Protein backbone atom coordinates (compact mmCIF):
# COMPACT_ATOMS: atom_id res chain seq x y z
CA MET A 1 23.16 67.55 -18.65
CA ARG A 2 20.13 67.83 -20.60
CA SER A 3 17.93 67.33 -17.00
CA LEU A 4 18.24 67.33 -13.55
CA ALA A 5 15.49 66.21 -10.61
CA LEU A 6 15.59 66.01 -7.51
CA THR A 7 13.80 62.47 -5.86
CA SER A 8 12.97 60.45 -3.10
CA GLY A 9 13.62 56.41 -3.40
CA ARG A 10 16.56 54.32 -4.14
CA TYR A 11 18.27 57.80 -6.41
CA ASN A 12 18.60 61.13 -4.61
CA VAL A 13 19.21 63.04 -7.79
CA LEU A 14 18.69 61.57 -10.91
CA GLY A 15 19.80 63.36 -14.68
CA TYR A 16 19.37 62.72 -18.47
CA SER A 17 22.24 63.72 -20.92
CA SER A 18 23.18 63.24 -23.80
CA HIS A 19 26.55 61.80 -25.55
CA ARG A 20 27.65 60.70 -28.81
CA SER A 21 29.85 58.23 -28.17
CA MET A 22 30.68 55.79 -25.14
CA GLU A 23 34.00 58.10 -24.60
CA GLU A 24 32.29 61.04 -24.59
CA LEU A 25 29.98 59.51 -21.71
CA HIS A 26 32.90 58.20 -19.75
CA ASP A 27 34.44 61.89 -19.65
CA PHE A 28 31.29 63.20 -18.65
CA ASN A 29 30.72 60.79 -15.62
CA SER A 30 34.24 61.84 -14.66
CA ARG A 31 34.54 65.35 -14.99
CA ALA A 32 31.08 65.45 -12.93
CA PHE A 33 31.43 62.61 -10.86
CA GLY A 34 34.94 61.84 -10.49
CA ALA A 35 35.99 64.28 -7.61
CA ALA A 36 33.60 63.98 -5.39
CA ASP A 37 33.94 61.69 -2.30
CA GLY A 38 31.36 59.15 -1.35
CA ILE A 39 29.03 59.66 -3.99
CA ALA A 40 27.78 56.32 -6.04
CA THR A 41 26.76 56.75 -9.11
CA GLU A 42 25.26 54.21 -11.26
CA THR A 43 24.98 54.68 -15.28
CA ALA A 44 21.80 52.76 -17.88
CA LEU A 45 21.81 53.53 -21.38
CA LEU A 46 18.86 54.61 -23.34
CA ILE A 47 18.66 52.09 -26.24
CA ARG A 48 15.44 52.91 -28.18
CA SER A 49 13.00 56.03 -27.09
CA TYR A 50 9.35 55.10 -28.16
CA LYS A 51 7.96 58.33 -27.60
CA ARG A 52 9.66 61.82 -27.48
CA ALA A 53 7.73 64.94 -26.05
CA GLY A 54 4.55 63.97 -27.21
CA VAL A 55 5.01 62.30 -30.28
CA THR A 56 5.45 58.51 -31.28
CA THR A 57 8.53 57.40 -32.70
CA LEU A 58 8.33 54.10 -34.46
């Protein structure tokens, strides 16, 4: 996991992680959240990054 933040609003916790494949992402989600009862998760994929650490990546 690269970062984790507690938030208000629709989501209580927001995390960012990086994986080499969809299989690695699935394995991570299964390990991190699979055994926790009552936790709903939603996954969003970052398709393209336009700015990273103050540097434009276009």
